[in-house]
PDB file of all heavy atoms in Angstrom:
ATOM      1  N   THR A   1       0.851  -1.193   0.048  1.00  0.00           N
ATOM      2  CA  THR A   1       0.018  -0.057  -0.011  1.00  0.00           C
ATOM      3  C   THR A   1       0.919   1.223  -0.006  1.00  0.00           C
ATOM      4  O   THR A   1       1.784   1.389   0.939  1.00  0.00           O
ATOM      5  CB  THR A   1      -0.922   0.038   1.231  1.00  0.00           C
ATOM      6  OG1 THR A   1      -1.773  -1.108   1.152  1.00  0.00           O
ATOM      7  CG2 THR A   1      -1.791   1.274   1.138  1.00  0.00           C
ATOM      8  N   VAL A   2       0.670   2.100  -0.916  1.00  0.00           N
ATOM      9  CA  VAL A   2       1.562   3.300  -1.141  1.00  0.00           C
ATOM     10  C   VAL A   2       0.665   4.528  -1.145  1.00  0.00           C
ATOM     11  O   VAL A   2      -0.322   4.551  -1.837  1.00  0.00           O
ATOM     12  CB  VAL A   2       2.383   3.272  -2.467  1.00  0.00           C
ATOM     13  CG1 VAL A   2       3.320   4.445  -2.515  1.00  0.00           C
ATOM     14  CG2 VAL A   2       3.123   1.990  -2.579  1.00  0.00           C
ATOM     15  N   SER A   3       1.076   5.483  -0.257  1.00  0.00           N
ATOM     16  CA  SER A   3       0.213   6.714  -0.154  1.00  0.00           C
ATOM     17  C   SER A   3       0.826   7.807  -1.005  1.00  0.00           C
ATOM     18  O   SER A   3       2.050   8.016  -1.044  1.00  0.00           O
ATOM     19  CB  SER A   3       0.107   7.124   1.293  1.00  0.00           C
ATOM     20  OG  SER A   3      -0.438   8.424   1.447  1.00  0.00           O
ATOM     21  N   LEU A   4       0.001   8.573  -1.644  1.00  0.00           N
ATOM     22  CA  LEU A   4       0.502   9.676  -2.467  1.00  0.00           C
ATOM     23  C   LEU A   4       1.075  10.728  -1.560  1.00  0.00           C
ATOM     24  O   LEU A   4       1.987  11.532  -1.969  1.00  0.00           O
ATOM     25  CB  LEU A   4      -0.671  10.304  -3.183  1.00  0.00           C
ATOM     26  CG  LEU A   4      -1.231   9.412  -4.440  1.00  0.00           C
ATOM     27  CD1 LEU A   4      -2.528  10.009  -4.890  1.00  0.00           C
ATOM     28  CD2 LEU A   4      -0.163   9.399  -5.545  1.00  0.00           C
ATOM     29  N   SER A   5       0.640  10.754  -0.308  1.00  0.00           N
ATOM     30  CA  SER A   5       1.183  11.860   0.658  1.00  0.00           C
ATOM     31  C   SER A   5       2.090  11.291   1.649  1.00  0.00           C
ATOM     32  O   SER A   5       2.582  12.040   2.489  1.00  0.00           O
ATOM     33  CB  SER A   5      -0.013  12.548   1.366  1.00  0.00           C
ATOM     34  OG  SER A   5      -0.745  11.581   2.048  1.00  0.00           O
ATOM     35  N   ARG A   6       2.328  10.023   1.696  1.00  0.00           N
ATOM     36  CA  ARG A   6       3.187   9.331   2.664  1.00  0.00           C
ATOM     37  C   ARG A   6       4.622   9.822   2.505  1.00  0.00           C
ATOM     38  O   ARG A   6       5.139   9.845   1.423  1.00  0.00           O
ATOM     39  CB  ARG A   6       3.055   7.841   2.580  1.00  0.00           C
ATOM     40  CG  ARG A   6       3.675   7.069   3.737  1.00  0.00           C
ATOM     41  CD  ARG A   6       3.414   5.548   3.611  1.00  0.00           C
ATOM     42  NE  ARG A   6       3.927   4.841   4.732  1.00  0.00           N
ATOM     43  CZ  ARG A   6       3.845   3.545   4.860  1.00  0.00           C
ATOM     44  NH1 ARG A   6       3.178   2.828   3.869  1.00  0.00           N
ATOM     45  NH2 ARG A   6       4.292   2.910   5.982  1.00  0.00           N
ATOM     46  N   PRO A   7       5.333  10.111   3.587  1.00  0.00           N
ATOM     47  CA  PRO A   7       6.691  10.703   3.471  1.00  0.00           C
ATOM     48  C   PRO A   7       7.778   9.700   3.128  1.00  0.00           C
ATOM     49  O   PRO A   7       8.868  10.053   2.680  1.00  0.00           O
ATOM     50  CB  PRO A   7       6.959  11.288   4.931  1.00  0.00           C
ATOM     51  CG  PRO A   7       6.087  10.530   5.768  1.00  0.00           C
ATOM     52  CD  PRO A   7       4.859  10.194   5.065  1.00  0.00           C
ATOM     53  N   PHE A   8       7.435   8.372   3.235  1.00  0.00           N
ATOM     54  CA  PHE A   8       8.512   7.372   3.047  1.00  0.00           C
ATOM     55  C   PHE A   8       8.304   6.728   1.621  1.00  0.00           C
ATOM     56  O   PHE A   8       7.251   6.473   1.196  1.00  0.00           O
ATOM     57  CB  PHE A   8       8.527   6.348   4.036  1.00  0.00           C
ATOM     58  CG  PHE A   8       8.841   6.804   5.436  1.00  0.00           C
ATOM     59  CD1 PHE A   8       7.923   7.151   6.370  1.00  0.00           C
ATOM     60  CD2 PHE A   8      10.221   6.989   5.772  1.00  0.00           C
ATOM     61  CE1 PHE A   8       8.263   7.703   7.638  1.00  0.00           C
ATOM     62  CE2 PHE A   8      10.566   7.439   6.990  1.00  0.00           C
ATOM     63  CZ  PHE A   8       9.556   7.758   7.982  1.00  0.00           C
ATOM     64  N   ALA A   9       9.457   6.409   0.956  1.00  0.00           N
ATOM     65  CA  ALA A   9       9.401   5.713  -0.276  1.00  0.00           C
ATOM     66  C   ALA A   9       9.214   4.174   0.054  1.00  0.00           C
ATOM     67  O   ALA A   9       9.623   3.676   1.111  1.00  0.00           O
ATOM     68  CB  ALA A   9      10.699   5.767  -0.985  1.00  0.00           C
ATOM     69  N   VAL A  10       8.490   3.484  -0.823  1.00  0.00           N
ATOM     70  CA  VAL A  10       8.207   2.019  -0.706  1.00  0.00           C
ATOM     71  C   VAL A  10       8.916   1.291  -1.826  1.00  0.00           C
ATOM     72  O   VAL A  10       8.871   1.761  -3.001  1.00  0.00           O
ATOM     73  CB  VAL A  10       6.609   1.818  -0.767  1.00  0.00           C
ATOM     74  CG1 VAL A  10       6.390   0.310  -0.724  1.00  0.00           C
ATOM     75  CG2 VAL A  10       5.946   2.456   0.348  1.00  0.00           C
ATOM     76  N   ALA A  11       9.598   0.238  -1.451  1.00  0.00           N
ATOM     77  CA  ALA A  11      10.346  -0.487  -2.404  1.00  0.00           C
ATOM     78  C   ALA A  11      10.135  -2.009  -2.293  1.00  0.00           C
ATOM     79  O   ALA A  11       9.861  -2.525  -1.134  1.00  0.00           O
ATOM     80  CB  ALA A  11      11.839  -0.221  -2.276  1.00  0.00           C
ATOM     81  N   ILE A  12      10.168  -2.714  -3.331  1.00  0.00           N
ATOM     82  CA  ILE A  12      10.023  -4.192  -3.356  1.00  0.00           C
ATOM     83  C   ILE A  12      11.392  -4.916  -3.228  1.00  0.00           C
ATOM     84  O   ILE A  12      12.358  -4.622  -3.928  1.00  0.00           O
ATOM     85  CB  ILE A  12       9.387  -4.654  -4.628  1.00  0.00           C
ATOM     86  CG1 ILE A  12       8.014  -4.037  -4.853  1.00  0.00           C
ATOM     87  CG2 ILE A  12       9.330  -6.146  -4.679  1.00  0.00           C
ATOM     88  CD1 ILE A  12       7.446  -4.326  -6.215  1.00  0.00           C
ATOM     89  N   ARG A  13      11.481  -5.646  -2.133  1.00  0.00           N
ATOM     90  CA  ARG A  13      12.719  -6.407  -1.928  1.00  0.00           C
ATOM     91  C   ARG A  13      12.362  -7.856  -1.876  1.00  0.00           C
ATOM     92  O   ARG A  13      11.894  -8.458  -0.792  1.00  0.00           O
ATOM     93  CB  ARG A  13      13.361  -6.018  -0.526  1.00  0.00           C
ATOM     94  CG  ARG A  13      13.820  -4.446  -0.487  1.00  0.00           C
ATOM     95  CD  ARG A  13      14.617  -4.215   0.702  1.00  0.00           C
ATOM     96  NE  ARG A  13      14.144  -4.700   1.945  1.00  0.00           N
ATOM     97  CZ  ARG A  13      13.179  -4.229   2.718  1.00  0.00           C
ATOM     98  NH1 ARG A  13      12.668  -3.030   2.348  1.00  0.00           N
ATOM     99  NH2 ARG A  13      12.824  -4.741   3.796  1.00  0.00           N
ATOM    100  N   PRO A  14      12.504  -8.600  -2.992  1.00  0.00           N
ATOM    101  CA  PRO A  14      12.057 -10.037  -3.020  1.00  0.00           C
ATOM    102  C   PRO A  14      12.931 -10.903  -2.092  1.00  0.00           C
ATOM    103  O   PRO A  14      14.053 -10.603  -1.674  1.00  0.00           O
ATOM    104  CB  PRO A  14      12.387 -10.466  -4.545  1.00  0.00           C
ATOM    105  CG  PRO A  14      12.502  -9.038  -5.262  1.00  0.00           C
ATOM    106  CD  PRO A  14      13.114  -8.139  -4.234  1.00  0.00           C
ATOM    107  N   LEU A  15      12.287 -12.076  -1.865  1.00  0.00           N
ATOM    108  CA  LEU A  15      12.946 -13.032  -1.084  1.00  0.00           C
ATOM    109  C   LEU A  15      13.312 -14.312  -1.916  1.00  0.00           C
ATOM    110  O   LEU A  15      12.550 -14.656  -2.814  1.00  0.00           O
ATOM    111  CB  LEU A  15      12.047 -13.547   0.126  1.00  0.00           C
ATOM    112  CG  LEU A  15      11.803 -12.537   1.200  1.00  0.00           C
ATOM    113  CD1 LEU A  15      10.562 -13.045   2.030  1.00  0.00           C
ATOM    114  CD2 LEU A  15      12.952 -12.263   2.069  1.00  0.00           C
ATOM    115  N   VAL A  16      14.469 -14.898  -1.673  1.00  0.00           N
ATOM    116  CA  VAL A  16      14.808 -16.077  -2.348  1.00  0.00           C
ATOM    117  C   VAL A  16      15.229 -17.136  -1.297  1.00  0.00           C
ATOM    118  O   VAL A  16      15.808 -16.895  -0.211  1.00  0.00           O
ATOM    119  CB  VAL A  16      16.010 -15.895  -3.305  1.00  0.00           C
ATOM    120  CG1 VAL A  16      15.690 -14.936  -4.505  1.00  0.00           C
ATOM    121  CG2 VAL A  16      17.237 -15.385  -2.585  1.00  0.00           C
ATOM    122  N   ARG A  17      14.794 -18.410  -1.538  1.00  0.00           N
ATOM    123  CA  ARG A  17      15.225 -19.496  -0.699  1.00  0.00           C
ATOM    124  C   ARG A  17      16.187 -20.336  -1.661  1.00  0.00           C
ATOM    125  O   ARG A  17      15.975 -20.509  -2.780  1.00  0.00           O
ATOM    126  CB  ARG A  17      13.963 -20.375  -0.490  1.00  0.00           C
ATOM    127  CG  ARG A  17      14.290 -21.659   0.372  1.00  0.00           C
ATOM    128  CD  ARG A  17      14.495 -21.361   1.836  1.00  0.00           C
ATOM    129  NE  ARG A  17      13.270 -20.924   2.515  1.00  0.00           N
ATOM    130  CZ  ARG A  17      13.291 -20.580   3.789  1.00  0.00           C
ATOM    131  NH1 ARG A  17      14.365 -20.592   4.499  1.00  0.00           N
ATOM    132  NH2 ARG A  17      12.144 -20.174   4.432  1.00  0.00           N
ATOM    133  N   HIS A  18      17.316 -20.749  -0.917  1.00  0.00           N
ATOM    134  CA  HIS A  18      18.320 -21.426  -1.558  1.00  0.00           C
ATOM    135  C   HIS A  18      18.262 -22.986  -1.432  1.00  0.00           C
ATOM    136  O   HIS A  18      17.466 -23.441  -0.561  1.00  0.00           O
ATOM    137  CB  HIS A  18      19.737 -21.030  -1.133  1.00  0.00           C
ATOM    138  CG  HIS A  18      20.009 -19.581  -1.462  1.00  0.00           C
ATOM    139  ND1 HIS A  18      20.450 -18.635  -0.471  1.00  0.00           N
ATOM    140  CD2 HIS A  18      19.941 -18.930  -2.622  1.00  0.00           C
ATOM    141  CE1 HIS A  18      20.609 -17.456  -1.106  1.00  0.00           C
ATOM    142  NE2 HIS A  18      20.372 -17.620  -2.389  1.00  0.00           N
ATOM    143  N   ARG A  19      19.031 -23.706  -2.122  1.00  0.00           N
ATOM    144  CA  ARG A  19      19.005 -25.169  -2.088  1.00  0.00           C
ATOM    145  C   ARG A  19      19.242 -25.740  -0.657  1.00  0.00           C
ATOM    146  O   ARG A  19      18.770 -26.805  -0.278  1.00  0.00           O
ATOM    147  CB  ARG A  19      19.988 -25.719  -3.076  1.00  0.00           C
ATOM    148  CG  ARG A  19      20.031 -27.239  -3.252  1.00  0.00           C
ATOM    149  CD  ARG A  19      20.857 -27.562  -4.503  1.00  0.00           C
ATOM    150  NE  ARG A  19      20.900 -29.025  -4.758  1.00  0.00           N
ATOM    151  CZ  ARG A  19      21.928 -29.815  -4.563  1.00  0.00           C
ATOM    152  NH1 ARG A  19      23.074 -29.191  -4.005  1.00  0.00           N
ATOM    153  NH2 ARG A  19      21.950 -31.084  -4.750  1.00  0.00           N
ATOM    154  N   ASP A  20      20.124 -25.003   0.107  1.00  0.00           N
ATOM    155  CA  ASP A  20      20.381 -25.512   1.455  1.00  0.00           C
ATOM    156  C   ASP A  20      19.482 -24.873   2.459  1.00  0.00           C
ATOM    157  O   ASP A  20      19.726 -24.858   3.693  1.00  0.00           O
ATOM    158  CB  ASP A  20      21.818 -25.127   1.823  1.00  0.00           C
ATOM    159  CG  ASP A  20      22.096 -23.579   1.854  1.00  0.00           C
ATOM    160  OD1 ASP A  20      21.179 -22.829   1.461  1.00  0.00           O
ATOM    161  OD2 ASP A  20      23.107 -23.106   2.276  1.00  0.00           O
ATOM    162  N   TYR A  21      18.258 -24.361   1.984  1.00  0.00           N
ATOM    163  CA  TYR A  21      17.102 -23.834   2.850  1.00  0.00           C
ATOM    164  C   TYR A  21      17.378 -22.437   3.348  1.00  0.00           C
ATOM    165  O   TYR A  21      16.555 -21.861   3.997  1.00  0.00           O
ATOM    166  CB  TYR A  21      16.834 -24.749   4.005  1.00  0.00           C
ATOM    167  CG  TYR A  21      16.407 -26.106   3.623  1.00  0.00           C
ATOM    168  CD1 TYR A  21      17.256 -27.221   3.829  1.00  0.00           C
ATOM    169  CD2 TYR A  21      15.095 -26.351   3.020  1.00  0.00           C
ATOM    170  CE1 TYR A  21      16.847 -28.512   3.575  1.00  0.00           C
ATOM    171  CE2 TYR A  21      14.755 -27.576   2.653  1.00  0.00           C
ATOM    172  CZ  TYR A  21      15.612 -28.724   2.954  1.00  0.00           C
ATOM    173  OH  TYR A  21      15.224 -29.979   2.618  1.00  0.00           O
ATOM    174  N   THR A  22      18.647 -21.874   3.169  1.00  0.00           N
ATOM    175  CA  THR A  22      18.887 -20.514   3.634  1.00  0.00           C
ATOM    176  C   THR A  22      17.970 -19.523   2.899  1.00  0.00           C
ATOM    177  O   THR A  22      17.545 -19.686   1.744  1.00  0.00           O
ATOM    178  CB  THR A  22      20.337 -20.080   3.425  1.00  0.00           C
ATOM    179  OG1 THR A  22      20.782 -20.242   2.083  1.00  0.00           O
ATOM    180  CG2 THR A  22      21.233 -20.937   4.344  1.00  0.00           C
ATOM    181  N   LEU A  23      17.730 -18.386   3.607  1.00  0.00           N
ATOM    182  CA  LEU A  23      16.781 -17.386   3.144  1.00  0.00           C
ATOM    183  C   LEU A  23      17.525 -16.038   2.916  1.00  0.00           C
ATOM    184  O   LEU A  23      18.480 -15.667   3.746  1.00  0.00           O
ATOM    185  CB  LEU A  23      15.709 -17.190   4.113  1.00  0.00           C
ATOM    186  CG  LEU A  23      14.483 -16.249   3.768  1.00  0.00           C
ATOM    187  CD1 LEU A  23      13.667 -16.894   2.644  1.00  0.00           C
ATOM    188  CD2 LEU A  23      13.550 -16.131   4.995  1.00  0.00           C
ATOM    189  N   CYS A  24      17.247 -15.364   1.892  1.00  0.00           N
ATOM    190  CA  CYS A  24      17.975 -14.113   1.570  1.00  0.00           C
ATOM    191  C   CYS A  24      16.900 -13.114   1.033  1.00  0.00           C
ATOM    192  O   CYS A  24      16.144 -13.459   0.142  1.00  0.00           O
ATOM    193  CB  CYS A  24      19.075 -14.285   0.574  1.00  0.00           C
ATOM    194  SG  CYS A  24      20.020 -12.903   0.174  1.00  0.00           S
ATOM    195  N   GLU A  25      17.075 -11.813   1.533  1.00  0.00           N
ATOM    196  CA  GLU A  25      16.279 -10.724   0.984  1.00  0.00           C
ATOM    197  C   GLU A  25      17.118  -9.985  -0.006  1.00  0.00           C
ATOM    198  O   GLU A  25      18.186  -9.493   0.344  1.00  0.00           O
ATOM    199  CB  GLU A  25      15.852  -9.876   2.172  1.00  0.00           C
ATOM    200  CG  GLU A  25      14.882  -8.716   1.762  1.00  0.00           C
ATOM    201  CD  GLU A  25      14.405  -7.845   2.924  1.00  0.00           C
ATOM    202  OE1 GLU A  25      15.279  -7.179   3.465  1.00  0.00           O
ATOM    203  OE2 GLU A  25      13.304  -7.990   3.362  1.00  0.00           O
ATOM    204  N   LEU A  26      16.620  -9.895  -1.211  1.00  0.00           N
ATOM    205  CA  LEU A  26      17.443  -9.250  -2.260  1.00  0.00           C
ATOM    206  C   LEU A  26      17.320  -7.667  -2.092  1.00  0.00           C
ATOM    207  O   LEU A  26      16.204  -7.155  -2.218  1.00  0.00           O
ATOM    208  CB  LEU A  26      17.018  -9.677  -3.647  1.00  0.00           C
ATOM    209  CG  LEU A  26      17.035 -11.118  -3.965  1.00  0.00           C
ATOM    210  CD1 LEU A  26      16.724 -11.403  -5.367  1.00  0.00           C
ATOM    211  CD2 LEU A  26      18.386 -11.751  -3.667  1.00  0.00           C
ATOM    212  N   ASN A  27      18.490  -7.076  -2.000  1.00  0.00           N
ATOM    213  CA  ASN A  27      18.476  -5.634  -1.930  1.00  0.00           C
ATOM    214  C   ASN A  27      19.054  -4.971  -3.225  1.00  0.00           C
ATOM    215  O   ASN A  27      19.277  -5.741  -4.197  1.00  0.00           O
ATOM    216  CB  ASN A  27      19.281  -5.080  -0.709  1.00  0.00           C
ATOM    217  CG  ASN A  27      20.706  -5.644  -0.695  1.00  0.00           C
ATOM    218  OD1 ASN A  27      21.240  -5.698  -1.787  1.00  0.00           O
ATOM    219  ND2 ASN A  27      21.215  -5.799   0.492  1.00  0.00           N
ATOM    220  N   TYR A  28      19.332  -3.726  -3.223  1.00  0.00           N
ATOM    221  CA  TYR A  28      19.732  -3.042  -4.471  1.00  0.00           C
ATOM    222  C   TYR A  28      21.047  -3.690  -4.926  1.00  0.00           C
ATOM    223  O   TYR A  28      21.299  -3.732  -6.226  1.00  0.00           O
ATOM    224  CB  TYR A  28      19.976  -1.564  -4.055  1.00  0.00           C
ATOM    225  CG  TYR A  28      20.666  -0.759  -5.192  1.00  0.00           C
ATOM    226  CD1 TYR A  28      19.780  -0.421  -6.316  1.00  0.00           C
ATOM    227  CD2 TYR A  28      21.859  -0.337  -5.220  1.00  0.00           C
ATOM    228  CE1 TYR A  28      20.330   0.322  -7.351  1.00  0.00           C
ATOM    229  CE2 TYR A  28      22.460   0.385  -6.194  1.00  0.00           C
ATOM    230  CZ  TYR A  28      21.689   0.706  -7.294  1.00  0.00           C
ATOM    231  OH  TYR A  28      22.255   1.397  -8.340  1.00  0.00           O
ATOM    232  N   LEU A  29      21.890  -4.130  -4.039  1.00  0.00           N
ATOM    233  CA  LEU A  29      23.174  -4.740  -4.474  1.00  0.00           C
ATOM    234  C   LEU A  29      23.073  -6.041  -5.114  1.00  0.00           C
ATOM    235  O   LEU A  29      23.981  -6.495  -5.859  1.00  0.00           O
ATOM    236  CB  LEU A  29      24.149  -4.765  -3.256  1.00  0.00           C
ATOM    237  CG  LEU A  29      24.421  -3.344  -2.581  1.00  0.00           C
ATOM    238  CD1 LEU A  29      25.280  -3.602  -1.321  1.00  0.00           C
ATOM    239  CD2 LEU A  29      25.150  -2.463  -3.596  1.00  0.00           C
ATOM    240  N   SER A  30      22.061  -6.791  -4.855  1.00  0.00           N
ATOM    241  CA  SER A  30      21.953  -8.204  -5.281  1.00  0.00           C
ATOM    242  C   SER A  30      20.848  -8.400  -6.360  1.00  0.00           C
ATOM    243  O   SER A  30      20.741  -9.502  -6.887  1.00  0.00           O
ATOM    244  CB  SER A  30      21.677  -9.143  -4.060  1.00  0.00           C
ATOM    245  OG  SER A  30      20.536  -8.696  -3.292  1.00  0.00           O
ATOM    246  N   LEU A  31      19.992  -7.356  -6.591  1.00  0.00           N
ATOM    247  CA  LEU A  31      19.009  -7.502  -7.615  1.00  0.00           C
ATOM    248  C   LEU A  31      19.633  -7.822  -9.034  1.00  0.00           C
ATOM    249  O   LEU A  31      19.151  -8.843  -9.699  1.00  0.00           O
ATOM    250  CB  LEU A  31      18.167  -6.280  -7.782  1.00  0.00           C
ATOM    251  CG  LEU A  31      17.258  -5.901  -6.568  1.00  0.00           C
ATOM    252  CD1 LEU A  31      16.591  -4.601  -6.750  1.00  0.00           C
ATOM    253  CD2 LEU A  31      16.146  -7.043  -6.414  1.00  0.00           C
ATOM    254  N   ALA A  32      20.644  -7.094  -9.349  1.00  0.00           N
ATOM    255  CA  ALA A  32      21.309  -7.382 -10.704  1.00  0.00           C
ATOM    256  C   ALA A  32      21.961  -8.764 -10.705  1.00  0.00           C
ATOM    257  O   ALA A  32      21.961  -9.374 -11.781  1.00  0.00           O
ATOM    258  CB  ALA A  32      22.355  -6.187 -10.964  1.00  0.00           C
ATOM    259  N   THR A  33      22.569  -9.125  -9.639  1.00  0.00           N
ATOM    260  CA  THR A  33      23.244 -10.405  -9.639  1.00  0.00           C
ATOM    261  C   THR A  33      22.280 -11.593  -9.924  1.00  0.00           C
ATOM    262  O   THR A  33      22.606 -12.522 -10.618  1.00  0.00           O
ATOM    263  CB  THR A  33      23.839 -10.731  -8.244  1.00  0.00           C
ATOM    264  OG1 THR A  33      24.754  -9.688  -7.887  1.00  0.00           O
ATOM    265  CG2 THR A  33      24.542 -12.016  -8.118  1.00  0.00           C
ATOM    266  N   HIS A  34      21.027 -11.428  -9.466  1.00  0.00           N
ATOM    267  CA  HIS A  34      20.048 -12.491  -9.727  1.00  0.00           C
ATOM    268  C   HIS A  34      19.122 -12.153 -10.878  1.00  0.00           C
ATOM    269  O   HIS A  34      18.210 -12.934 -11.172  1.00  0.00           O
ATOM    270  CB  HIS A  34      19.069 -12.622  -8.480  1.00  0.00           C
ATOM    271  CG  HIS A  34      19.730 -13.355  -7.360  1.00  0.00           C
ATOM    272  ND1 HIS A  34      19.817 -14.700  -7.198  1.00  0.00           N
ATOM    273  CD2 HIS A  34      20.566 -12.820  -6.271  1.00  0.00           C
ATOM    274  CE1 HIS A  34      20.382 -15.010  -6.085  1.00  0.00           C
ATOM    275  NE2 HIS A  34      20.909 -13.853  -5.477  1.00  0.00           N
ATOM    276  N   GLY A  35      19.477 -11.127 -11.694  1.00  0.00           N
ATOM    277  CA  GLY A  35      18.756 -10.842 -12.894  1.00  0.00           C
ATOM    278  C   GLY A  35      17.300 -10.461 -12.639  1.00  0.00           C
ATOM    279  O   GLY A  35      16.341 -10.865 -13.416  1.00  0.00           O
ATOM    280  N   VAL A  36      16.991  -9.712 -11.557  1.00  0.00           N
ATOM    281  CA  VAL A  36      15.634  -9.361 -11.166  1.00  0.00           C
ATOM    282  C   VAL A  36      15.230  -8.086 -11.886  1.00  0.00           C
ATOM    283  O   VAL A  36      15.980  -7.143 -12.005  1.00  0.00           O
ATOM    284  CB  VAL A  36      15.542  -9.151  -9.646  1.00  0.00           C
ATOM    285  CG1 VAL A  36      14.107  -8.697  -9.297  1.00  0.00           C
ATOM    286  CG2 VAL A  36      15.926 -10.406  -8.908  1.00  0.00           C
ATOM    287  N   TYR A  37      13.946  -8.119 -12.479  1.00  0.00           N
ATOM    288  CA  TYR A  37      13.454  -6.936 -13.039  1.00  0.00           C
ATOM    289  C   TYR A  37      11.860  -6.862 -12.693  1.00  0.00           C
ATOM    290  O   TYR A  37      11.298  -7.830 -12.367  1.00  0.00           O
ATOM    291  CB  TYR A  37      13.540  -6.821 -14.565  1.00  0.00           C
ATOM    292  CG  TYR A  37      12.973  -7.909 -15.377  1.00  0.00           C
ATOM    293  CD1 TYR A  37      11.669  -7.759 -15.939  1.00  0.00           C
ATOM    294  CD2 TYR A  37      13.656  -9.186 -15.646  1.00  0.00           C
ATOM    295  CE1 TYR A  37      11.123  -8.706 -16.653  1.00  0.00           C
ATOM    296  CE2 TYR A  37      12.994 -10.091 -16.451  1.00  0.00           C
ATOM    297  CZ  TYR A  37      11.818  -9.885 -16.947  1.00  0.00           C
ATOM    298  OH  TYR A  37      11.154 -10.875 -17.712  1.00  0.00           O
ATOM    299  N   PHE A  38      11.404  -5.574 -12.708  1.00  0.00           N
ATOM    300  CA  PHE A  38       9.944  -5.386 -12.238  1.00  0.00           C
ATOM    301  C   PHE A  38       9.214  -4.746 -13.442  1.00  0.00           C
ATOM    302  O   PHE A  38       9.680  -4.031 -14.247  1.00  0.00           O
ATOM    303  CB  PHE A  38      10.070  -4.302 -11.164  1.00  0.00           C
ATOM    304  CG  PHE A  38      10.902  -4.708 -10.024  1.00  0.00           C
ATOM    305  CD1 PHE A  38      12.203  -4.268  -9.949  1.00  0.00           C
ATOM    306  CD2 PHE A  38      10.462  -5.486  -9.041  1.00  0.00           C
ATOM    307  CE1 PHE A  38      13.122  -4.612  -8.896  1.00  0.00           C
ATOM    308  CE2 PHE A  38      11.367  -5.773  -7.862  1.00  0.00           C
ATOM    309  CZ  PHE A  38      12.567  -5.378  -7.883  1.00  0.00           C
ATOM    310  N   GLU A  39       7.916  -5.117 -13.463  1.00  0.00           N
ATOM    311  CA  GLU A  39       7.013  -4.715 -14.482  1.00  0.00           C
ATOM    312  C   GLU A  39       5.599  -4.396 -13.886  1.00  0.00           C
ATOM    313  O   GLU A  39       5.042  -5.227 -13.283  1.00  0.00           O
ATOM    314  CB  GLU A  39       6.806  -5.733 -15.588  1.00  0.00           C
ATOM    315  CG  GLU A  39       5.933  -5.296 -16.782  1.00  0.00           C
ATOM    316  CD  GLU A  39       5.740  -6.358 -17.815  1.00  0.00           C
ATOM    317  OE1 GLU A  39       6.328  -7.516 -17.575  1.00  0.00           O
ATOM    318  OE2 GLU A  39       5.120  -6.145 -18.802  1.00  0.00           O
ATOM    319  N   THR A  40       5.234  -3.090 -14.021  1.00  0.00           N
ATOM    320  CA  THR A  40       3.874  -2.738 -13.514  1.00  0.00           C
ATOM    321  C   THR A  40       2.857  -3.027 -14.665  1.00  0.00           C
ATOM    322  O   THR A  40       3.082  -2.834 -15.770  1.00  0.00           O
ATOM    323  CB  THR A  40       3.811  -1.361 -13.104  1.00  0.00           C
ATOM    324  OG1 THR A  40       2.439  -1.043 -12.566  1.00  0.00           O
ATOM    325  CG2 THR A  40       4.121  -0.339 -14.260  1.00  0.00           C
ATOM    326  N   MET A  41       1.625  -3.453 -14.176  1.00  0.00           N
ATOM    327  CA  MET A  41       0.537  -3.836 -15.141  1.00  0.00           C
ATOM    328  C   MET A  41      -0.241  -2.559 -15.517  1.00  0.00           C
ATOM    329  O   MET A  41      -1.042  -2.654 -16.440  1.00  0.00           O
ATOM    330  CB  MET A  41      -0.324  -4.850 -14.549  1.00  0.00           C
ATOM    331  CG  MET A  41       0.369  -6.139 -14.213  1.00  0.00           C
ATOM    332  SD  MET A  41       1.038  -7.107 -15.704  1.00  0.00           S
ATOM    333  CE  MET A  41       2.817  -6.688 -15.564  1.00  0.00           C
TER     334      MET A  41
END
């Protein structure tokens, strides 16, 4: 939920689960490494 008047920016940080069950939240530094891209409908 994003407000037109809300003072904070909202960003999508996807989650990935690895083969060894470890969990990672992808941030700006790792989005490109995993080839992540976003598309609004």
